[in-house]
Amino acid sequence: MIKSINSTELKAMLDANEELVLIDCREQEEWDEGHIAGAKFIPLSQFPDLYANELKDKSANLILQCRSGRRSLNACQFLLGEDFENLTNLEDGILGWQNNGYEIVK
């Protein structure tokens, strides 16, 4: 099962130092324009090749994020097929994050 949260919920989780792995699956130029601090960068176009090196714990709390939530949902579905257990999609993506005025890093 894939859970869904919005950027306000993600911000609260990060502020509470909850144990999670935030994965940004946008492409390089999008990442370079700005991303959420602490995110791992695994672009969707290279996801099948890169995920295994970055994501060792199949029970870790993974939150996937892209621009608006569509690509990250695809990445969640891919990981579900690889037996990952704890998947959450950031449904409003980095657009929602920025619309709420939350900080991004470059």
C-alpha atoms as a PDB file:
ATOM      1  CA  MET A   1       0.000   0.000   0.000  1.00  0.00           C
ATOM      2  CA  ILE A   2       1.198   3.497  -0.832  1.00  0.00           C
ATOM      3  CA  LYS A   3       0.329   6.237   1.631  1.00  0.00           C
ATOM      4  CA  SER A   4      -0.093   9.871   0.720  1.00  0.00           C
ATOM      5  CA  ILE A   5       0.833  13.051   2.599  1.00  0.00           C
ATOM      6  CA  ASN A   6       1.010  16.734   1.736  1.00  0.00           C
ATOM      7  CA  SER A   7       3.887  19.146   2.248  1.00  0.00           C
ATOM      8  CA  THR A   8       2.474  20.498   5.537  1.00  0.00           C
ATOM      9  CA  GLU A   9       2.510  16.963   6.964  1.00  0.00           C
ATOM     10  CA  LEU A  10       6.039  16.365   5.637  1.00  0.00           C
ATOM     11  CA  LYS A  11       7.271  19.612   7.225  1.00  0.00           C
ATOM     12  CA  ALA A  12       5.825  18.529  10.588  1.00  0.00           C
ATOM     13  CA  MET A  13       7.544  15.131  10.278  1.00  0.00           C
ATOM     14  CA  LEU A  14      10.898  16.744   9.433  1.00  0.00           C
ATOM     15  CA  ASP A  15      10.549  19.295  12.241  1.00  0.00           C
ATOM     16  CA  ALA A  16       9.858  16.428  14.681  1.00  0.00           C
ATOM     17  CA  ASN A  17      12.992  14.624  13.431  1.00  0.00           C
ATOM     18  CA  GLU A  18      10.948  11.554  12.513  1.00  0.00           C
ATOM     19  CA  GLU A  19      12.983   8.739  11.039  1.00  0.00           C
ATOM     20  CA  LEU A  20      12.387   8.880   7.310  1.00  0.00           C
ATOM     21  CA  VAL A  21      14.193   8.878   3.986  1.00  0.00           C
ATOM     22  CA  LEU A  22      13.088  11.631   1.613  1.00  0.00           C
ATOM     23  CA  ILE A  23      13.726  10.799  -2.033  1.00  0.00           C
ATOM     24  CA  ASP A  24      13.555  13.428  -4.775  1.00  0.00           C
ATOM     25  CA  CYS A  25      12.939  11.696  -8.102  1.00  0.00           C
ATOM     26  CA  ARG A  26      12.962  14.759 -10.333  1.00  0.00           C
ATOM     27  CA  GLU A  27      15.668  15.238 -12.963  1.00  0.00           C
ATOM     28  CA  GLN A  28      19.087  16.892 -12.521  1.00  0.00           C
ATOM     29  CA  GLU A  29      18.157  20.373 -13.729  1.00  0.00           C
ATOM     30  CA  GLU A  30      15.110  20.451 -11.427  1.00  0.00           C
ATOM     31  CA  TRP A  31      17.219  19.279  -8.479  1.00  0.00           C
ATOM     32  CA  ASP A  32      19.799  21.987  -9.210  1.00  0.00           C
ATOM     33  CA  GLU A  33      17.087  24.681  -9.127  1.00  0.00           C
ATOM     34  CA  GLY A  34      16.343  23.737  -5.528  1.00  0.00           C
ATOM     35  CA  HIS A  35      15.373  20.805  -3.341  1.00  0.00           C
ATOM     36  CA  ILE A  36      14.290  19.987   0.196  1.00  0.00           C
ATOM     37  CA  ALA A  37      17.227  19.795   2.606  1.00  0.00           C
ATOM     38  CA  GLY A  38      18.268  16.231   3.404  1.00  0.00           C
ATOM     39  CA  ALA A  39      16.613  14.667   0.351  1.00  0.00           C
ATOM     40  CA  LYS A  40      18.333  11.878  -1.571  1.00  0.00           C
ATOM     41  CA  PHE A  41      18.483  12.481  -5.315  1.00  0.00           C
ATOM     42  CA  ILE A  42      17.386   9.479  -7.410  1.00  0.00           C
ATOM     43  CA  PRO A  43      16.006  10.706 -10.761  1.00  0.00           C
ATOM     44  CA  LEU A  44      13.062   8.701 -12.072  1.00  0.00           C
ATOM     45  CA  SER A  45      14.772   8.272 -15.471  1.00  0.00           C
ATOM     46  CA  GLN A  46      17.568   6.320 -13.733  1.00  0.00           C
ATOM     47  CA  PHE A  47      15.559   4.909 -10.826  1.00  0.00           C
ATOM     48  CA  PRO A  48      15.794   1.190 -11.730  1.00  0.00           C
ATOM     49  CA  ASP A  49      19.591   1.519 -12.031  1.00  0.00           C
ATOM     50  CA  LEU A  50      20.251   3.609  -8.914  1.00  0.00           C
ATOM     51  CA  TYR A  51      17.715   2.708  -6.228  1.00  0.00           C
ATOM     52  CA  ALA A  52      19.428  -0.485  -4.973  1.00  0.00           C
ATOM     53  CA  ASN A  53      22.653   1.353  -4.048  1.00  0.00           C
ATOM     54  CA  GLU A  54      20.787   4.114  -2.205  1.00  0.00           C
ATOM     55  CA  LEU A  55      17.947   2.209  -0.532  1.00  0.00           C
ATOM     56  CA  LYS A  56      19.148  -0.804   1.434  1.00  0.00           C
ATOM     57  CA  ASP A  57      16.392  -1.094   4.055  1.00  0.00           C
ATOM     58  CA  LYS A  58      13.125  -2.321   2.555  1.00  0.00           C
ATOM     59  CA  SER A  59      11.239  -1.478   5.756  1.00  0.00           C
ATOM     60  CA  ALA A  60      12.546   2.115   6.056  1.00  0.00           C
ATOM     61  CA  ASN A  61      10.004   4.945   6.043  1.00  0.00           C
ATOM     62  CA  LEU A  62      10.439   6.220   2.471  1.00  0.00           C
ATOM     63  CA  ILE A  63       8.808   9.437   1.296  1.00  0.00           C
ATOM     64  CA  LEU A  64       9.035  10.085  -2.417  1.00  0.00           C
ATOM     65  CA  GLN A  65       8.718  13.518  -3.918  1.00  0.00           C
ATOM     66  CA  CYS A  66       8.815  15.110  -7.359  1.00  0.00           C
ATOM     67  CA  ARG A  67       7.422  18.352  -8.793  1.00  0.00           C
ATOM     68  CA  SER A  68       3.721  17.681  -8.335  1.00  0.00           C
ATOM     69  CA  GLY A  69       3.342  14.082  -7.112  1.00  0.00           C
ATOM     70  CA  ARG A  70       2.907  12.114 -10.341  1.00  0.00           C
ATOM     71  CA  ARG A  71       6.456  10.853 -10.972  1.00  0.00           C
ATOM     72  CA  SER A  72       6.966  10.130  -7.281  1.00  0.00           C
ATOM     73  CA  LEU A  73       3.837   7.966  -7.334  1.00  0.00           C
ATOM     74  CA  ASN A  74       5.381   6.028 -10.251  1.00  0.00           C
ATOM     75  CA  ALA A  75       8.559   5.573  -8.197  1.00  0.00           C
ATOM     76  CA  CYS A  76       6.465   4.361  -5.228  1.00  0.00           C
ATOM     77  CA  GLN A  77       4.747   1.811  -7.466  1.00  0.00           C
ATOM     78  CA  PHE A  78       8.128   0.635  -8.742  1.00  0.00           C
ATOM     79  CA  LEU A  79       9.461   0.194  -5.184  1.00  0.00           C
ATOM     80  CA  LEU A  80       6.268  -1.600  -4.148  1.00  0.00           C
ATOM     81  CA  GLY A  81       7.092  -4.150  -6.864  1.00  0.00           C
ATOM     82  CA  GLU A  82      10.577  -4.515  -5.334  1.00  0.00           C
ATOM     83  CA  ASP A  83       9.054  -5.464  -1.941  1.00  0.00           C
ATOM     84  CA  PHE A  84       9.538  -2.137  -0.168  1.00  0.00           C
ATOM     85  CA  GLU A  85       7.015  -1.936   2.660  1.00  0.00           C
ATOM     86  CA  ASN A  86       6.721   1.647   3.908  1.00  0.00           C
ATOM     87  CA  LEU A  87       6.084   3.980   0.974  1.00  0.00           C
ATOM     88  CA  THR A  88       4.575   7.456   1.045  1.00  0.00           C
ATOM     89  CA  ASN A  89       3.981   9.823  -1.860  1.00  0.00           C
ATOM     90  CA  LEU A  90       4.217  13.589  -1.326  1.00  0.00           C
ATOM     91  CA  GLU A  91       1.016  14.362  -3.208  1.00  0.00           C
ATOM     92  CA  ASP A  92       1.627  18.089  -3.755  1.00  0.00           C
ATOM     93  CA  GLY A  93       5.346  17.727  -4.502  1.00  0.00           C
ATOM     94  CA  ILE A  94       7.899  20.477  -4.279  1.00  0.00           C
ATOM     95  CA  LEU A  95       5.330  22.870  -5.753  1.00  0.00           C
ATOM     96  CA  GLY A  96       3.211  22.475  -2.626  1.00  0.00           C
ATOM     97  CA  TRP A  97       6.306  22.731  -0.454  1.00  0.00           C
ATOM     98  CA  GLN A  98       7.270  26.059  -2.055  1.00  0.00           C
ATOM     99  CA  ASN A  99       3.675  27.342  -2.114  1.00  0.00           C
ATOM    100  CA  ASN A 100       3.677  26.943   1.678  1.00  0.00           C
ATOM    101  CA  GLY A 101       6.826  29.053   1.871  1.00  0.00           C
ATOM    102  CA  TYR A 102       9.074  26.237   3.097  1.00  0.00           C
ATOM    103  CA  GLU A 103      12.798  26.464   2.486  1.00  0.00           C
ATOM    104  CA  ILE A 104      14.631  24.834  -0.403  1.00  0.00           C
ATOM    105  CA  VAL A 105      18.386  24.511  -0.827  1.00  0.00           C
ATOM    106  CA  LYS A 106      20.436  24.795  -3.996  1.00  0.00           C
END
